[in-house]
Amino acid sequence: MVAFYTDGLVERRGEPIDDGLQRLCEVTRAGPANTVARDIMRGLVGSAVPADDIALVVLRRLEDDAE
């Protein structure tokens, strides 16, 4: 699994970026891409209106049984 995101997901005004990155680590768990994306957005944004734009793309490679 890999997640790509813009800084608006983890940065908060007046707060060290390390705090936002720590929150991201705490809410990110392996799983289906749509579930991971949902959990990240719920954990970092919730129902708040973001002050910055946010983009999040989560990709997960499915194992190929033919190999």
PDB file of N, CA and C in Angstrom:
ATOM      1  N   MET A   1       0.846  -1.166   0.000  1.00  0.00           N
ATOM      2  CA  MET A   1       0.000   0.000   0.000  1.00  0.00           C
ATOM      3  C   MET A   1       0.894   1.232   0.000  1.00  0.00           C
ATOM      4  N   VAL A   2       0.455   2.239  -0.719  1.00  0.00           N
ATOM      5  CA  VAL A   2       1.150   3.517  -0.724  1.00  0.00           C
ATOM      6  C   VAL A   2       0.097   4.620  -0.725  1.00  0.00           C
ATOM      7  N   ALA A   3       0.390   5.691  -0.008  1.00  0.00           N
ATOM      8  CA  ALA A   3      -0.535   6.828   0.045  1.00  0.00           C
ATOM      9  C   ALA A   3       0.228   8.081  -0.372  1.00  0.00           C
ATOM     10  N   PHE A   4      -0.367   8.824  -1.290  1.00  0.00           N
ATOM     11  CA  PHE A   4       0.160  10.115  -1.719  1.00  0.00           C
ATOM     12  C   PHE A   4      -0.809  11.176  -1.224  1.00  0.00           C
ATOM     13  N   TYR A   5      -0.282  12.263  -0.694  1.00  0.00           N
ATOM     14  CA  TYR A   5      -1.155  13.295  -0.154  1.00  0.00           C
ATOM     15  C   TYR A   5      -0.499  14.662  -0.292  1.00  0.00           C
ATOM     16  N   THR A   6      -1.316  15.688  -0.278  1.00  0.00           N
ATOM     17  CA  THR A   6      -0.797  17.045  -0.283  1.00  0.00           C
ATOM     18  C   THR A   6      -0.617  17.526   1.153  1.00  0.00           C
ATOM     19  N   ASP A   7       0.131  18.603   1.303  1.00  0.00           N
ATOM     20  CA  ASP A   7       0.454  19.105   2.636  1.00  0.00           C
ATOM     21  C   ASP A   7      -0.774  19.546   3.436  1.00  0.00           C
ATOM     22  N   GLY A   8      -1.856  19.864   2.752  1.00  0.00           N
ATOM     23  CA  GLY A   8      -3.061  20.279   3.455  1.00  0.00           C
ATOM     24  C   GLY A   8      -3.624  19.202   4.372  1.00  0.00           C
ATOM     25  N   LEU A   9      -3.264  17.952   4.119  1.00  0.00           N
ATOM     26  CA  LEU A   9      -3.745  16.856   4.963  1.00  0.00           C
ATOM     27  C   LEU A   9      -3.071  16.858   6.325  1.00  0.00           C
ATOM     28  N   VAL A  10      -1.791  17.210   6.378  1.00  0.00           N
ATOM     29  CA  VAL A  10      -1.038  17.065   7.622  1.00  0.00           C
ATOM     30  C   VAL A  10      -0.625  18.378   8.270  1.00  0.00           C
ATOM     31  N   GLU A  11      -0.619  19.471   7.520  1.00  0.00           N
ATOM     32  CA  GLU A  11      -0.185  20.750   8.094  1.00  0.00           C
ATOM     33  C   GLU A  11      -1.337  21.483   8.769  1.00  0.00           C
ATOM     34  N   ARG A  12      -1.033  22.061   9.926  1.00  0.00           N
ATOM     35  CA  ARG A  12      -1.983  22.912  10.645  1.00  0.00           C
ATOM     36  C   ARG A  12      -1.241  24.176  11.055  1.00  0.00           C
ATOM     37  N   ARG A  13      -1.881  25.297  10.883  1.00  0.00           N
ATOM     38  CA  ARG A  13      -1.270  26.585  11.230  1.00  0.00           C
ATOM     39  C   ARG A  13      -0.885  26.609  12.709  1.00  0.00           C
ATOM     40  N   GLY A  14       0.341  27.037  12.995  1.00  0.00           N
ATOM     41  CA  GLY A  14       0.802  27.158  14.374  1.00  0.00           C
ATOM     42  C   GLY A  14       1.197  25.847  15.022  1.00  0.00           C
ATOM     43  N   GLU A  15       1.357  24.793  14.228  1.00  0.00           N
ATOM     44  CA  GLU A  15       1.667  23.472  14.770  1.00  0.00           C
ATOM     45  C   GLU A  15       2.822  22.863  13.974  1.00  0.00           C
ATOM     46  N   PRO A  16       3.765  22.213  14.638  1.00  0.00           N
ATOM     47  CA  PRO A  16       4.857  21.570  13.903  1.00  0.00           C
ATOM     48  C   PRO A  16       4.314  20.495  12.947  1.00  0.00           C
ATOM     49  N   ILE A  17       4.896  20.411  11.760  1.00  0.00           N
ATOM     50  CA  ILE A  17       4.429  19.419  10.788  1.00  0.00           C
ATOM     51  C   ILE A  17       4.591  17.999  11.324  1.00  0.00           C
ATOM     52  N   ASP A  18       5.565  17.797  12.202  1.00  0.00           N
ATOM     53  CA  ASP A  18       5.759  16.465  12.785  1.00  0.00           C
ATOM     54  C   ASP A  18       4.512  15.982  13.526  1.00  0.00           C
ATOM     55  N   ASP A  19       3.751  16.902  14.114  1.00  0.00           N
ATOM     56  CA  ASP A  19       2.514  16.509  14.801  1.00  0.00           C
ATOM     57  C   ASP A  19       1.506  15.935  13.798  1.00  0.00           C
ATOM     58  N   GLY A  20       1.374  16.590  12.646  1.00  0.00           N
ATOM     59  CA  GLY A  20       0.460  16.103  11.614  1.00  0.00           C
ATOM     60  C   GLY A  20       0.912  14.773  11.032  1.00  0.00           C
ATOM     61  N   LEU A  21       2.211  14.628  10.833  1.00  0.00           N
ATOM     62  CA  LEU A  21       2.740  13.365  10.318  1.00  0.00           C
ATOM     63  C   LEU A  21       2.530  12.233  11.322  1.00  0.00           C
ATOM     64  N   GLN A  22       2.662  12.546  12.606  1.00  0.00           N
ATOM     65  CA  GLN A  22       2.416  11.541  13.643  1.00  0.00           C
ATOM     66  C   GLN A  22       0.952  11.101  13.633  1.00  0.00           C
ATOM     67  N   ARG A  23       0.038  12.055  13.497  1.00  0.00           N
ATOM     68  CA  ARG A  23      -1.392  11.710  13.412  1.00  0.00           C
ATOM     69  C   ARG A  23      -1.657  10.813  12.205  1.00  0.00           C
ATOM     70  N   LEU A  24      -1.030  11.142  11.077  1.00  0.00           N
ATOM     71  CA  LEU A  24      -1.194  10.318   9.869  1.00  0.00           C
ATOM     72  C   LEU A  24      -0.728   8.894  10.129  1.00  0.00           C
ATOM     73  N   CYS A  25       0.408   8.743  10.758  1.00  0.00           N
ATOM     74  CA  CYS A  25       0.921   7.405  11.081  1.00  0.00           C
ATOM     75  C   CYS A  25      -0.028   6.647  12.010  1.00  0.00           C
ATOM     76  N   GLU A  26      -0.605   7.356  12.957  1.00  0.00           N
ATOM     77  CA  GLU A  26      -1.487   6.714  13.931  1.00  0.00           C
ATOM     78  C   GLU A  26      -2.781   6.198  13.311  1.00  0.00           C
ATOM     79  N   VAL A  27      -3.304   6.868  12.293  1.00  0.00           N
ATOM     80  CA  VAL A  27      -4.589   6.449  11.717  1.00  0.00           C
ATOM     81  C   VAL A  27      -4.450   5.549  10.496  1.00  0.00           C
ATOM     82  N   THR A  28      -3.225   5.375   9.990  1.00  0.00           N
ATOM     83  CA  THR A  28      -3.031   4.590   8.768  1.00  0.00           C
ATOM     84  C   THR A  28      -2.786   3.125   9.105  1.00  0.00           C
ATOM     85  N   ARG A  29      -3.633   2.285   8.562  1.00  0.00           N
ATOM     86  CA  ARG A  29      -3.528   0.831   8.720  1.00  0.00           C
ATOM     87  C   ARG A  29      -3.706   0.181   7.357  1.00  0.00           C
ATOM     88  N   ALA A  30      -3.050  -0.920   7.119  1.00  0.00           N
ATOM     89  CA  ALA A  30      -3.189  -1.638   5.850  1.00  0.00           C
ATOM     90  C   ALA A  30      -4.619  -2.134   5.700  1.00  0.00           C
ATOM     91  N   GLY A  31      -5.094  -2.150   4.465  1.00  0.00           N
ATOM     92  CA  GLY A  31      -6.433  -2.622   4.156  1.00  0.00           C
ATOM     93  C   GLY A  31      -6.795  -2.236   2.743  1.00  0.00           C
ATOM     94  N   PRO A  32      -8.044  -2.439   2.355  1.00  0.00           N
ATOM     95  CA  PRO A  32      -8.491  -1.998   1.027  1.00  0.00           C
ATOM     96  C   PRO A  32      -8.272  -0.494   0.883  1.00  0.00           C
ATOM     97  N   ALA A  33      -7.878  -0.061  -0.307  1.00  0.00           N
ATOM     98  CA  ALA A  33      -7.522   1.341  -0.539  1.00  0.00           C
ATOM     99  C   ALA A  33      -8.634   2.299  -0.128  1.00  0.00           C
ATOM    100  N   ASN A  34      -9.880   1.970  -0.461  1.00  0.00           N
ATOM    101  CA  ASN A  34     -10.975   2.885  -0.114  1.00  0.00           C
ATOM    102  C   ASN A  34     -11.174   2.978   1.400  1.00  0.00           C
ATOM    103  N   THR A  35     -10.948   1.901   2.114  1.00  0.00           N
ATOM    104  CA  THR A  35     -11.077   1.912   3.570  1.00  0.00           C
ATOM    105  C   THR A  35      -9.943   2.704   4.201  1.00  0.00           C
ATOM    106  N   VAL A  36      -8.737   2.525   3.692  1.00  0.00           N
ATOM    107  CA  VAL A  36      -7.587   3.272   4.202  1.00  0.00           C
ATOM    108  C   VAL A  36      -7.805   4.767   3.992  1.00  0.00           C
ATOM    109  N   ALA A  37      -8.229   5.162   2.791  1.00  0.00           N
ATOM    110  CA  ALA A  37      -8.482   6.574   2.496  1.00  0.00           C
ATOM    111  C   ALA A  37      -9.567   7.134   3.415  1.00  0.00           C
ATOM    112  N   ARG A  38     -10.631   6.383   3.610  1.00  0.00           N
ATOM    113  CA  ARG A  38     -11.718   6.823   4.491  1.00  0.00           C
ATOM    114  C   ARG A  38     -11.210   7.034   5.917  1.00  0.00           C
ATOM    115  N   ASP A  39     -10.438   6.083   6.419  1.00  0.00           N
ATOM    116  CA  ASP A  39      -9.941   6.180   7.789  1.00  0.00           C
ATOM    117  C   ASP A  39      -8.974   7.350   7.961  1.00  0.00           C
ATOM    118  N   ILE A  40      -8.140   7.584   6.958  1.00  0.00           N
ATOM    119  CA  ILE A  40      -7.223   8.722   7.025  1.00  0.00           C
ATOM    120  C   ILE A  40      -8.007  10.027   7.052  1.00  0.00           C
ATOM    121  N   MET A  41      -8.982  10.158   6.171  1.00  0.00           N
ATOM    122  CA  MET A  41      -9.760  11.399   6.131  1.00  0.00           C
ATOM    123  C   MET A  41     -10.558  11.591   7.421  1.00  0.00           C
ATOM    124  N   ARG A  42     -11.137  10.538   7.930  1.00  0.00           N
ATOM    125  CA  ARG A  42     -11.880  10.648   9.195  1.00  0.00           C
ATOM    126  C   ARG A  42     -10.960  11.036  10.339  1.00  0.00           C
ATOM    127  N   GLY A  43      -9.774  10.429  10.369  1.00  0.00           N
ATOM    128  CA  GLY A  43      -8.850  10.665  11.467  1.00  0.00           C
ATOM    129  C   GLY A  43      -8.190  12.023  11.445  1.00  0.00           C
ATOM    130  N   LEU A  44      -7.930  12.556  10.253  1.00  0.00           N
ATOM    131  CA  LEU A  44      -7.208  13.817  10.172  1.00  0.00           C
ATOM    132  C   LEU A  44      -8.099  15.015   9.882  1.00  0.00           C
ATOM    133  N   VAL A  45      -9.235  14.796   9.244  1.00  0.00           N
ATOM    134  CA  VAL A  45     -10.110  15.911   8.894  1.00  0.00           C
ATOM    135  C   VAL A  45     -11.429  15.825   9.649  1.00  0.00           C
ATOM    136  N   GLY A  46     -12.001  14.634   9.712  1.00  0.00           N
ATOM    137  CA  GLY A  46     -13.287  14.466  10.386  1.00  0.00           C
ATOM    138  C   GLY A  46     -14.372  15.261   9.688  1.00  0.00           C
ATOM    139  N   SER A  47     -15.197  15.944  10.436  1.00  0.00           N
ATOM    140  CA  SER A  47     -16.288  16.724   9.853  1.00  0.00           C
ATOM    141  C   SER A  47     -15.922  18.209   9.714  1.00  0.00           C
ATOM    142  N   ALA A  48     -14.679  18.552  10.061  1.00  0.00           N
ATOM    143  CA  ALA A  48     -14.231  19.946   9.964  1.00  0.00           C
ATOM    144  C   ALA A  48     -14.088  20.371   8.504  1.00  0.00           C
ATOM    145  N   VAL A  49     -14.293  21.638   8.259  1.00  0.00           N
ATOM    146  CA  VAL A  49     -14.041  22.196   6.929  1.00  0.00           C
ATOM    147  C   VAL A  49     -12.549  22.525   6.873  1.00  0.00           C
ATOM    148  N   PRO A  50     -11.810  21.896   5.950  1.00  0.00           N
ATOM    149  CA  PRO A  50     -10.357  22.122   5.901  1.00  0.00           C
ATOM    150  C   PRO A  50     -10.016  23.572   5.562  1.00  0.00           C
ATOM    151  N   ALA A  51      -8.950  24.076   6.157  1.00  0.00           N
ATOM    152  CA  ALA A  51      -8.479  25.427   5.868  1.00  0.00           C
ATOM    153  C   ALA A  51      -7.627  25.455   4.600  1.00  0.00           C
ATOM    154  N   ASP A  52      -7.191  24.298   4.138  1.00  0.00           N
ATOM    155  CA  ASP A  52      -6.335  24.183   2.963  1.00  0.00           C
ATOM    156  C   ASP A  52      -6.901  23.086   2.071  1.00  0.00           C
ATOM    157  N   ASP A  53      -6.485  23.100   0.810  1.00  0.00           N
ATOM    158  CA  ASP A  53      -6.927  22.030  -0.080  1.00  0.00           C
ATOM    159  C   ASP A  53      -6.233  20.726   0.305  1.00  0.00           C
ATOM    160  N   ILE A  54      -6.929  19.617   0.058  1.00  0.00           N
ATOM    161  CA  ILE A  54      -6.409  18.296   0.408  1.00  0.00           C
ATOM    162  C   ILE A  54      -6.623  17.358  -0.768  1.00  0.00           C
ATOM    163  N   ALA A  55      -5.560  16.639  -1.108  1.00  0.00           N
ATOM    164  CA  ALA A  55      -5.665  15.554  -2.080  1.00  0.00           C
ATOM    165  C   ALA A  55      -5.054  14.321  -1.435  1.00  0.00           C
ATOM    166  N   LEU A  56      -5.723  13.188  -1.614  1.00  0.00           N
ATOM    167  CA  LEU A  56      -5.248  11.926  -1.053  1.00  0.00           C
ATOM    168  C   LEU A  56      -5.514  10.830  -2.066  1.00  0.00           C
ATOM    169  N   VAL A  57      -4.467  10.075  -2.388  1.00  0.00           N
ATOM    170  CA  VAL A  57      -4.588   8.927  -3.288  1.00  0.00           C
ATOM    171  C   VAL A  57      -3.961   7.736  -2.577  1.00  0.00           C
ATOM    172  N   VAL A  58      -4.712   6.664  -2.452  1.00  0.00           N
ATOM    173  CA  VAL A  58      -4.216   5.446  -1.812  1.00  0.00           C
ATOM    174  C   VAL A  58      -4.244   4.323  -2.835  1.00  0.00           C
ATOM    175  N   LEU A  59      -3.120   3.646  -2.979  1.00  0.00           N
ATOM    176  CA  LEU A  59      -3.009   2.513  -3.905  1.00  0.00           C
ATOM    177  C   LEU A  59      -2.612   1.274  -3.130  1.00  0.00           C
ATOM    178  N   ARG A  60      -3.190   0.166  -3.539  1.00  0.00           N
ATOM    179  CA  ARG A  60      -2.851  -1.112  -2.920  1.00  0.00           C
ATOM    180  C   ARG A  60      -2.684  -2.135  -4.017  1.00  0.00           C
ATOM    181  N   ARG A  61      -1.585  -2.832  -4.004  1.00  0.00           N
ATOM    182  CA  ARG A  61      -1.330  -3.874  -4.985  1.00  0.00           C
ATOM    183  C   ARG A  61      -1.964  -5.173  -4.511  1.00  0.00           C
ATOM    184  N   LEU A  62      -2.751  -5.766  -5.393  1.00  0.00           N
ATOM    185  CA  LEU A  62      -3.354  -7.056  -5.085  1.00  0.00           C
ATOM    186  C   LEU A  62      -2.410  -8.140  -5.570  1.00  0.00           C
ATOM    187  N   GLU A  63      -2.275  -9.186  -4.809  1.00  0.00           N
ATOM    188  CA  GLU A  63      -1.391 -10.279  -5.196  1.00  0.00           C
ATOM    189  C   GLU A  63      -1.979 -11.003  -6.390  1.00  0.00           C
ATOM    190  N   ASP A  64      -1.088 -11.391  -7.278  1.00  0.00           N
ATOM    191  CA  ASP A  64      -1.475 -12.123  -8.481  1.00  0.00           C
ATOM    192  C   ASP A  64      -1.286 -13.611  -8.218  1.00  0.00           C
ATOM    193  N   ASP A  65      -2.372 -14.388  -8.230  1.00  0.00           N
ATOM    194  CA  ASP A  65      -2.305 -15.824  -7.955  1.00  0.00           C
ATOM    195  C   ASP A  65      -1.567 -16.584  -9.055  1.00  0.00           C
ATOM    196  N   ALA A  66      -1.375 -15.981 -10.230  1.00  0.00           N
ATOM    197  CA  ALA A  66      -0.744 -16.663 -11.349  1.00  0.00           C
ATOM    198  C   ALA A  66       0.770 -16.777 -11.172  1.00  0.00           C
ATOM    199  N   GLU A  67       1.354 -16.002 -10.289  1.00  0.00           N
ATOM    200  CA  GLU A  67       2.819 -16.033 -10.120  1.00  0.00           C
ATOM    201  C   GLU A  67       3.253 -17.232  -9.335  1.00  0.00           C
TER     202      GLU A  67
END
